[in-house]
Amino acid sequence: MKTKQVLDVCCGCKMMWFDKEDNRAIFADKRKGSLDVSHCTSNPGKKIINPDVIHDFRNMNFKNESFWHIVFDPPHVKNISLKSVTGFSYGSLDKDTWKDDLRKGFAECFRVLKPNGTLIFKWNEIQIPLKEVLSLTKYKPLYGHRSGKSAKTHWVAFIKNVSL
C-alpha cells in the first residue's frame, strides 16, 4: 500500500475538499459525529465529521517528516458552542489558551512536514487578526489570498525551509 503524502490536520466536515474521501489524504480531527441541520435553509441535511484518525492537532501521533503537504484549518472562533452549526463545523478555541494551542499546532504541523514540503493554512479573521496568528510560528509565509464575502478568510502557503 502506498503511503499517503497529504494530511488534513483539522478536517471537520471536509468542506474545502472536492472529494471528501480523497485517497491521497489522511483526514484527522479530534471529533467524530453528526449534526442535524435540516433547519438550515441554505444547505439542509446533516453535517458529518468522520476522520480517518482521531487526534489533537497540538500533539499528533505521526512520525517526524511524514507528509509532503499539510492542510491546517484550525478552529478560529473562541468559546463558541459545539452544538451550533458553526461550532460543530469548525470547532472552538479556548479563550485562555488559544495562542498556546495554535503555537503548538503550527509546531506539530512543521514537525510532521517533510523538508521543502508545503503547508496551507486557512484562517478567518472573525475574532483574531491573521497577523497575530502568524506571529505564533517561526516560519515565514510564501504568499496568501483573501476570500469570502467580506474578505476575512485567508489562505496562506508555507514551505518548510530546512535551514530553520
N, C-alpha and C. Protein backbone atom coordinates (compact mmCIF):
# COMPACT_ATOMS: atom_id res chain seq x y z
N MET A 1 0.84 -1.20 0.00
CA MET A 1 0.00 0.00 0.00
C MET A 1 0.87 1.25 0.00
N LYS A 2 0.55 2.20 -0.86
CA LYS A 2 1.30 3.44 -0.96
C LYS A 2 1.02 4.33 0.24
N THR A 3 2.07 4.98 0.78
CA THR A 3 1.92 5.88 1.90
C THR A 3 1.24 7.16 1.45
N LYS A 4 0.28 7.62 2.23
CA LYS A 4 -0.42 8.87 1.90
C LYS A 4 0.50 10.04 2.23
N GLN A 5 0.57 11.00 1.33
CA GLN A 5 1.50 12.12 1.44
C GLN A 5 0.85 13.43 1.89
N VAL A 6 -0.48 13.42 2.07
CA VAL A 6 -1.23 14.62 2.42
C VAL A 6 -1.93 14.39 3.75
N LEU A 7 -1.89 15.41 4.61
CA LEU A 7 -2.56 15.35 5.91
C LEU A 7 -3.45 16.58 6.07
N ASP A 8 -4.72 16.36 6.36
CA ASP A 8 -5.62 17.44 6.76
C ASP A 8 -5.74 17.32 8.28
N VAL A 9 -5.13 18.25 8.98
CA VAL A 9 -4.95 18.19 10.43
C VAL A 9 -6.25 18.35 11.21
N CYS A 10 -7.13 19.24 10.77
CA CYS A 10 -8.41 19.52 11.43
C CYS A 10 -9.50 19.44 10.37
N CYS A 11 -9.80 18.25 9.89
CA CYS A 11 -10.65 18.11 8.71
C CYS A 11 -12.10 18.53 8.92
N GLY A 12 -12.60 18.44 10.16
CA GLY A 12 -14.00 18.78 10.38
C GLY A 12 -14.90 18.05 9.40
N CYS A 13 -15.79 18.79 8.76
CA CYS A 13 -16.73 18.20 7.79
C CYS A 13 -16.14 18.11 6.38
N LYS A 14 -14.85 18.37 6.24
CA LYS A 14 -14.14 18.29 4.95
C LYS A 14 -14.75 19.23 3.91
N MET A 15 -15.18 20.40 4.36
CA MET A 15 -15.91 21.31 3.49
C MET A 15 -15.09 21.86 2.32
N MET A 16 -13.77 21.96 2.47
CA MET A 16 -12.97 22.52 1.38
C MET A 16 -12.60 21.49 0.32
N TRP A 17 -12.83 20.23 0.61
CA TRP A 17 -12.40 19.15 -0.28
C TRP A 17 -13.40 18.91 -1.41
N PHE A 18 -12.88 18.78 -2.63
CA PHE A 18 -13.72 18.40 -3.76
C PHE A 18 -14.17 16.95 -3.60
N ASP A 19 -13.26 16.09 -3.13
CA ASP A 19 -13.55 14.68 -2.90
C ASP A 19 -13.34 14.42 -1.40
N LYS A 20 -14.42 14.30 -0.67
CA LYS A 20 -14.34 14.13 0.78
C LYS A 20 -13.78 12.77 1.21
N GLU A 21 -13.54 11.89 0.25
CA GLU A 21 -12.94 10.58 0.52
C GLU A 21 -11.63 10.43 -0.27
N ASP A 22 -11.01 11.54 -0.62
CA ASP A 22 -9.80 11.51 -1.44
C ASP A 22 -8.77 10.55 -0.84
N ASN A 23 -8.37 9.54 -1.59
CA ASN A 23 -7.48 8.52 -1.04
C ASN A 23 -6.01 8.94 -0.99
N ARG A 24 -5.71 10.15 -1.40
CA ARG A 24 -4.34 10.66 -1.28
C ARG A 24 -4.10 11.28 0.09
N ALA A 25 -5.17 11.48 0.86
CA ALA A 25 -5.07 12.22 2.12
C ALA A 25 -5.46 11.38 3.33
N ILE A 26 -4.88 11.76 4.46
CA ILE A 26 -5.34 11.28 5.76
C ILE A 26 -6.13 12.44 6.36
N PHE A 27 -7.37 12.18 6.72
CA PHE A 27 -8.23 13.17 7.34
C PHE A 27 -8.20 12.95 8.84
N ALA A 28 -7.86 13.99 9.60
CA ALA A 28 -7.73 13.85 11.04
C ALA A 28 -8.52 14.96 11.75
N ASP A 29 -9.04 14.64 12.91
CA ASP A 29 -9.75 15.60 13.74
C ASP A 29 -9.86 15.01 15.14
N LYS A 30 -10.17 15.83 16.10
CA LYS A 30 -10.34 15.30 17.46
C LYS A 30 -11.78 14.91 17.74
N ARG A 31 -12.65 15.12 16.75
CA ARG A 31 -14.08 14.85 16.94
C ARG A 31 -14.60 13.93 15.86
N LYS A 32 -15.69 13.27 16.20
CA LYS A 32 -16.41 12.44 15.25
C LYS A 32 -17.88 12.57 15.60
N GLY A 33 -18.74 12.66 14.60
CA GLY A 33 -20.17 12.75 14.88
C GLY A 33 -20.93 13.39 13.75
N SER A 34 -22.22 13.63 14.01
CA SER A 34 -23.07 14.28 13.01
C SER A 34 -24.00 15.27 13.71
N LEU A 35 -24.47 16.23 12.94
CA LEU A 35 -25.37 17.26 13.45
C LEU A 35 -26.48 17.46 12.43
N ASP A 36 -27.71 17.39 12.89
CA ASP A 36 -28.87 17.63 12.03
C ASP A 36 -28.96 19.12 11.75
N VAL A 37 -28.89 19.49 10.49
CA VAL A 37 -29.02 20.89 10.09
C VAL A 37 -30.18 21.07 9.13
N SER A 38 -31.21 20.26 9.31
CA SER A 38 -32.38 20.33 8.42
C SER A 38 -33.08 21.68 8.54
N HIS A 39 -32.85 22.39 9.64
CA HIS A 39 -33.44 23.72 9.83
C HIS A 39 -32.72 24.81 9.02
N CYS A 40 -31.56 24.52 8.49
CA CYS A 40 -30.80 25.50 7.71
C CYS A 40 -31.36 25.56 6.29
N THR A 41 -31.78 26.73 5.88
CA THR A 41 -32.39 26.87 4.55
C THR A 41 -31.36 26.79 3.43
N SER A 42 -30.11 27.19 3.71
CA SER A 42 -29.11 27.21 2.64
C SER A 42 -28.58 25.83 2.29
N ASN A 43 -28.49 24.93 3.26
CA ASN A 43 -27.92 23.61 2.99
C ASN A 43 -28.46 22.61 4.01
N PRO A 44 -29.75 22.27 3.92
CA PRO A 44 -30.35 21.38 4.92
C PRO A 44 -29.80 19.95 4.81
N GLY A 45 -29.91 19.22 5.91
CA GLY A 45 -29.46 17.83 5.93
C GLY A 45 -28.67 17.55 7.19
N LYS A 46 -27.53 16.87 7.03
CA LYS A 46 -26.66 16.55 8.15
C LYS A 46 -25.24 17.00 7.86
N LYS A 47 -24.58 17.50 8.89
CA LYS A 47 -23.14 17.75 8.83
C LYS A 47 -22.49 16.56 9.50
N ILE A 48 -21.46 16.02 8.84
CA ILE A 48 -20.82 14.81 9.35
C ILE A 48 -19.32 15.05 9.50
N ILE A 49 -18.80 14.68 10.66
CA ILE A 49 -17.36 14.68 10.90
C ILE A 49 -16.97 13.22 11.07
N ASN A 50 -16.19 12.72 10.12
CA ASN A 50 -15.80 11.31 10.13
C ASN A 50 -14.34 11.18 9.70
N PRO A 51 -13.40 11.53 10.59
CA PRO A 51 -11.99 11.48 10.22
C PRO A 51 -11.46 10.05 10.14
N ASP A 52 -10.36 9.90 9.41
CA ASP A 52 -9.64 8.62 9.38
C ASP A 52 -8.91 8.39 10.70
N VAL A 53 -8.44 9.48 11.30
CA VAL A 53 -7.64 9.44 12.52
C VAL A 53 -8.23 10.42 13.52
N ILE A 54 -8.41 9.96 14.75
CA ILE A 54 -8.82 10.85 15.84
C ILE A 54 -7.53 11.31 16.52
N HIS A 55 -7.31 12.62 16.56
CA HIS A 55 -6.12 13.16 17.24
C HIS A 55 -6.33 14.61 17.61
N ASP A 56 -5.43 15.11 18.40
CA ASP A 56 -5.39 16.51 18.80
C ASP A 56 -4.30 17.17 17.96
N PHE A 57 -4.62 18.23 17.25
CA PHE A 57 -3.64 18.87 16.36
C PHE A 57 -2.44 19.41 17.11
N ARG A 58 -2.54 19.54 18.41
CA ARG A 58 -1.42 20.04 19.22
C ARG A 58 -0.42 18.94 19.58
N ASN A 59 -0.80 17.69 19.34
CA ASN A 59 0.04 16.56 19.71
C ASN A 59 -0.32 15.37 18.81
N MET A 60 0.24 15.38 17.60
CA MET A 60 -0.13 14.37 16.60
C MET A 60 0.74 13.12 16.73
N ASN A 61 0.13 11.99 16.46
CA ASN A 61 0.82 10.71 16.55
C ASN A 61 1.33 10.27 15.18
N PHE A 62 2.11 11.14 14.56
CA PHE A 62 2.76 10.82 13.29
C PHE A 62 4.26 11.01 13.46
N LYS A 63 5.03 10.25 12.70
CA LYS A 63 6.48 10.38 12.75
C LYS A 63 6.91 11.72 12.17
N ASN A 64 8.07 12.19 12.60
CA ASN A 64 8.66 13.40 12.03
C ASN A 64 8.76 13.26 10.52
N GLU A 65 8.52 14.35 9.82
CA GLU A 65 8.72 14.45 8.38
C GLU A 65 8.00 13.33 7.61
N SER A 66 6.71 13.18 7.88
CA SER A 66 5.91 12.13 7.26
C SER A 66 5.15 12.57 6.02
N PHE A 67 4.89 13.88 5.86
CA PHE A 67 3.97 14.34 4.81
C PHE A 67 4.61 15.44 3.94
N TRP A 68 4.29 15.39 2.65
CA TRP A 68 4.74 16.43 1.72
C TRP A 68 3.82 17.65 1.74
N HIS A 69 2.57 17.44 2.11
CA HIS A 69 1.59 18.53 2.06
C HIS A 69 0.64 18.41 3.25
N ILE A 70 0.45 19.53 3.93
CA ILE A 70 -0.45 19.57 5.09
C ILE A 70 -1.42 20.72 4.95
N VAL A 71 -2.68 20.46 5.29
CA VAL A 71 -3.71 21.48 5.36
C VAL A 71 -4.01 21.71 6.83
N PHE A 72 -3.91 22.97 7.27
CA PHE A 72 -4.15 23.32 8.67
C PHE A 72 -5.24 24.39 8.72
N ASP A 73 -6.45 23.97 9.06
CA ASP A 73 -7.62 24.84 9.16
C ASP A 73 -8.18 24.67 10.58
N PRO A 74 -7.48 25.26 11.58
CA PRO A 74 -7.91 25.07 12.96
C PRO A 74 -9.15 25.88 13.28
N PRO A 75 -9.77 25.62 14.42
CA PRO A 75 -10.87 26.50 14.84
C PRO A 75 -10.37 27.94 14.88
N HIS A 76 -11.23 28.88 14.55
CA HIS A 76 -10.81 30.28 14.53
C HIS A 76 -11.74 31.19 15.33
N VAL A 77 -12.64 30.59 16.09
CA VAL A 77 -13.55 31.35 16.95
C VAL A 77 -13.36 30.85 18.38
N LYS A 78 -13.36 31.78 19.32
CA LYS A 78 -13.19 31.42 20.73
C LYS A 78 -14.54 31.20 21.39
N ASN A 79 -14.60 30.14 22.17
CA ASN A 79 -15.74 29.83 23.05
C ASN A 79 -17.10 29.82 22.35
N ILE A 80 -17.19 29.17 21.23
CA ILE A 80 -18.47 29.01 20.55
C ILE A 80 -19.02 27.62 20.92
N SER A 81 -20.31 27.51 21.02
CA SER A 81 -20.93 26.24 21.36
C SER A 81 -20.71 25.22 20.25
N LEU A 82 -20.27 24.03 20.63
CA LEU A 82 -20.06 22.96 19.65
C LEU A 82 -21.38 22.36 19.19
N LYS A 83 -22.49 22.80 19.79
CA LYS A 83 -23.82 22.36 19.36
C LYS A 83 -24.38 23.26 18.26
N SER A 84 -23.75 24.43 18.06
CA SER A 84 -24.17 25.32 16.98
C SER A 84 -23.62 24.78 15.66
N VAL A 85 -24.19 25.20 14.54
CA VAL A 85 -23.72 24.74 13.24
C VAL A 85 -22.27 25.17 13.02
N THR A 86 -21.95 26.42 13.32
CA THR A 86 -20.58 26.91 13.15
C THR A 86 -19.63 26.19 14.10
N GLY A 87 -20.00 26.06 15.34
CA GLY A 87 -19.15 25.38 16.32
C GLY A 87 -18.92 23.93 15.97
N PHE A 88 -19.96 23.24 15.54
CA PHE A 88 -19.82 21.85 15.14
C PHE A 88 -18.91 21.74 13.92
N SER A 89 -19.12 22.60 12.94
CA SER A 89 -18.39 22.53 11.68
C SER A 89 -16.90 22.83 11.85
N TYR A 90 -16.59 23.84 12.67
CA TYR A 90 -15.21 24.32 12.75
C TYR A 90 -14.52 24.08 14.09
N GLY A 91 -15.27 23.76 15.13
CA GLY A 91 -14.67 23.63 16.45
C GLY A 91 -14.56 24.98 17.13
N SER A 92 -13.96 24.99 18.30
CA SER A 92 -13.86 26.21 19.10
C SER A 92 -12.50 26.30 19.76
N LEU A 93 -11.96 27.50 19.79
CA LEU A 93 -10.72 27.77 20.52
C LEU A 93 -11.06 28.11 21.97
N ASP A 94 -10.19 27.74 22.88
CA ASP A 94 -10.34 28.13 24.28
C ASP A 94 -9.94 29.59 24.43
N LYS A 95 -10.74 30.37 25.14
CA LYS A 95 -10.48 31.82 25.26
C LYS A 95 -9.17 32.13 25.97
N ASP A 96 -8.69 31.21 26.83
CA ASP A 96 -7.47 31.48 27.59
C ASP A 96 -6.22 30.86 27.01
N THR A 97 -6.35 29.75 26.28
CA THR A 97 -5.17 29.02 25.81
C THR A 97 -4.99 29.04 24.29
N TRP A 98 -5.81 29.81 23.58
CA TRP A 98 -5.81 29.73 22.13
C TRP A 98 -4.44 30.01 21.50
N LYS A 99 -3.68 30.98 22.04
CA LYS A 99 -2.37 31.27 21.46
C LYS A 99 -1.43 30.08 21.59
N ASP A 100 -1.37 29.51 22.78
CA ASP A 100 -0.52 28.35 23.00
C ASP A 100 -0.98 27.17 22.16
N ASP A 101 -2.29 26.98 22.05
CA ASP A 101 -2.83 25.88 21.24
C ASP A 101 -2.42 26.02 19.78
N LEU A 102 -2.57 27.21 19.21
CA LEU A 102 -2.19 27.41 17.81
C LEU A 102 -0.68 27.33 17.62
N ARG A 103 0.09 27.83 18.58
CA ARG A 103 1.55 27.73 18.53
C ARG A 103 1.97 26.25 18.46
N LYS A 104 1.37 25.44 19.33
CA LYS A 104 1.66 24.00 19.33
C LYS A 104 1.19 23.36 18.03
N GLY A 105 0.06 23.80 17.50
CA GLY A 105 -0.45 23.25 16.25
C GLY A 105 0.50 23.52 15.09
N PHE A 106 0.98 24.76 14.98
CA PHE A 106 1.96 25.07 13.94
C PHE A 106 3.22 24.21 14.11
N ALA A 107 3.72 24.12 15.35
CA ALA A 107 4.93 23.34 15.61
C ALA A 107 4.74 21.88 15.20
N GLU A 108 3.60 21.31 15.51
CA GLU A 108 3.31 19.92 15.13
C GLU A 108 3.22 19.76 13.62
N CYS A 109 2.55 20.70 12.97
CA CYS A 109 2.45 20.63 11.50
C CYS A 109 3.83 20.64 10.86
N PHE A 110 4.68 21.55 11.31
CA PHE A 110 6.01 21.62 10.72
C PHE A 110 6.88 20.44 11.14
N ARG A 111 6.62 19.85 12.29
CA ARG A 111 7.37 18.66 12.71
C ARG A 111 7.08 17.49 11.76
N VAL A 112 5.82 17.29 11.40
CA VAL A 112 5.47 16.14 10.56
C VAL A 112 5.56 16.44 9.06
N LEU A 113 5.87 17.69 8.71
CA LEU A 113 6.04 18.07 7.31
C LEU A 113 7.48 17.76 6.86
N LYS A 114 7.61 17.18 5.69
CA LYS A 114 8.93 16.87 5.13
C LYS A 114 9.66 18.17 4.77
N PRO A 115 11.00 18.15 4.76
CA PRO A 115 11.74 19.32 4.28
C PRO A 115 11.29 19.70 2.87
N ASN A 116 11.08 20.96 2.66
CA ASN A 116 10.59 21.53 1.41
C ASN A 116 9.14 21.16 1.11
N GLY A 117 8.44 20.57 2.08
CA GLY A 117 7.02 20.30 1.96
C GLY A 117 6.22 21.58 2.13
N THR A 118 4.95 21.54 1.74
CA THR A 118 4.10 22.72 1.81
C THR A 118 3.00 22.57 2.86
N LEU A 119 2.71 23.69 3.49
CA LEU A 119 1.61 23.79 4.45
C LEU A 119 0.67 24.87 3.94
N ILE A 120 -0.60 24.53 3.83
CA ILE A 120 -1.63 25.52 3.51
C ILE A 120 -2.40 25.77 4.79
N PHE A 121 -2.41 27.02 5.21
CA PHE A 121 -3.07 27.44 6.45
C PHE A 121 -4.28 28.28 6.08
N LYS A 122 -5.44 27.93 6.63
CA LYS A 122 -6.67 28.68 6.38
C LYS A 122 -7.08 29.35 7.68
N TRP A 123 -7.40 30.64 7.60
CA TRP A 123 -7.77 31.40 8.79
C TRP A 123 -8.86 32.41 8.47
N ASN A 124 -9.83 32.52 9.35
CA ASN A 124 -10.87 33.53 9.23
C ASN A 124 -10.69 34.54 10.36
N GLU A 125 -10.63 35.82 10.02
CA GLU A 125 -10.37 36.89 10.98
C GLU A 125 -11.61 37.38 11.71
N ILE A 126 -12.60 36.54 11.87
CA ILE A 126 -13.84 36.97 12.53
C ILE A 126 -13.58 37.51 13.94
N GLN A 127 -12.61 36.95 14.67
CA GLN A 127 -12.28 37.43 16.02
C GLN A 127 -10.81 37.80 16.19
N ILE A 128 -9.91 37.09 15.52
CA ILE A 128 -8.48 37.24 15.75
C ILE A 128 -7.80 37.59 14.42
N PRO A 129 -7.05 38.70 14.37
CA PRO A 129 -6.37 39.08 13.12
C PRO A 129 -5.32 38.05 12.69
N LEU A 130 -5.19 37.86 11.40
CA LEU A 130 -4.22 36.92 10.84
C LEU A 130 -2.81 37.25 11.32
N LYS A 131 -2.45 38.50 11.35
CA LYS A 131 -1.10 38.91 11.75
C LYS A 131 -0.76 38.37 13.13
N GLU A 132 -1.71 38.39 14.04
CA GLU A 132 -1.49 37.89 15.39
C GLU A 132 -1.27 36.37 15.38
N VAL A 133 -1.99 35.67 14.54
CA VAL A 133 -1.87 34.21 14.45
C VAL A 133 -0.53 33.84 13.80
N LEU A 134 -0.15 34.53 12.74
CA LEU A 134 1.11 34.21 12.06
C LEU A 134 2.33 34.45 12.94
N SER A 135 2.18 35.31 13.95
CA SER A 135 3.30 35.56 14.87
C SER A 135 3.57 34.35 15.77
N LEU A 136 2.70 33.34 15.72
CA LEU A 136 2.83 32.17 16.60
C LEU A 136 3.71 31.07 15.98
N THR A 137 4.25 31.30 14.79
CA THR A 137 5.16 30.35 14.16
C THR A 137 6.41 31.08 13.68
N LYS A 138 7.52 30.35 13.70
CA LYS A 138 8.79 30.92 13.23
C LYS A 138 8.89 30.90 11.71
N TYR A 139 8.00 30.17 11.05
CA TYR A 139 8.05 30.05 9.59
C TYR A 139 7.40 31.25 8.91
N LYS A 140 8.04 31.72 7.87
CA LYS A 140 7.56 32.87 7.12
C LYS A 140 6.68 32.39 5.97
N PRO A 141 5.48 32.95 5.84
CA PRO A 141 4.61 32.53 4.73
C PRO A 141 5.20 32.92 3.37
N LEU A 142 4.87 32.12 2.36
CA LEU A 142 5.28 32.43 0.98
C LEU A 142 4.34 33.47 0.37
N TYR A 143 3.05 33.19 0.44
CA TYR A 143 2.04 34.08 -0.14
C TYR A 143 0.69 33.71 0.45
N GLY A 144 -0.32 34.53 0.16
CA GLY A 144 -1.65 34.26 0.65
C GLY A 144 -2.71 34.89 -0.22
N HIS A 145 -3.95 34.58 0.11
CA HIS A 145 -5.08 35.09 -0.66
C HIS A 145 -6.26 35.28 0.28
N ARG A 146 -6.96 36.39 0.14
CA ARG A 146 -8.18 36.64 0.90
C ARG A 146 -9.37 36.17 0.07
N SER A 147 -10.37 35.62 0.78
CA SER A 147 -11.58 35.19 0.09
C SER A 147 -12.79 35.40 0.98
N GLY A 148 -13.94 35.08 0.46
CA GLY A 148 -15.19 35.23 1.21
C GLY A 148 -15.86 36.56 0.94
N LYS A 149 -17.13 36.66 1.35
CA LYS A 149 -17.93 37.86 1.09
C LYS A 149 -17.29 39.13 1.64
N SER A 150 -16.69 39.04 2.82
CA SER A 150 -16.07 40.22 3.43
C SER A 150 -14.55 40.13 3.44
N ALA A 151 -13.98 39.19 2.68
CA ALA A 151 -12.53 39.00 2.54
C ALA A 151 -11.84 38.78 3.89
N LYS A 152 -12.51 38.10 4.79
CA LYS A 152 -11.91 37.83 6.10
C LYS A 152 -11.26 36.45 6.17
N THR A 153 -11.46 35.61 5.16
CA THR A 153 -10.83 34.30 5.15
C THR A 153 -9.53 34.39 4.37
N HIS A 154 -8.47 33.90 4.98
CA HIS A 154 -7.14 33.93 4.39
C HIS A 154 -6.66 32.51 4.11
N TRP A 155 -6.06 32.33 2.95
CA TRP A 155 -5.38 31.09 2.59
C TRP A 155 -3.90 31.46 2.50
N VAL A 156 -3.07 30.81 3.31
CA VAL A 156 -1.66 31.17 3.41
C VAL A 156 -0.81 29.94 3.11
N ALA A 157 0.17 30.10 2.22
CA ALA A 157 1.06 29.00 1.85
C ALA A 157 2.42 29.17 2.52
N PHE A 158 2.93 28.06 3.06
CA PHE A 158 4.26 28.00 3.66
C PHE A 158 5.04 26.89 2.97
N ILE A 159 6.34 26.98 3.02
CA ILE A 159 7.22 25.87 2.65
C ILE A 159 8.15 25.65 3.84
N LYS A 160 8.43 24.40 4.16
CA LYS A 160 9.29 24.11 5.29
C LYS A 160 10.74 24.30 4.85
N ASN A 161 11.30 25.40 5.29
CA ASN A 161 12.68 25.73 4.99
C ASN A 161 13.58 24.93 5.92
N VAL A 162 14.46 24.14 5.35
CA VAL A 162 15.30 23.25 6.16
C VAL A 162 16.36 23.98 6.95
N SER A 163 16.61 25.25 6.67
CA SER A 163 17.66 25.99 7.40
C SER A 163 17.17 26.54 8.74
N LEU A 164 15.87 26.45 9.02
CA LEU A 164 15.37 26.95 10.31
C LEU A 164 15.55 25.94 11.40
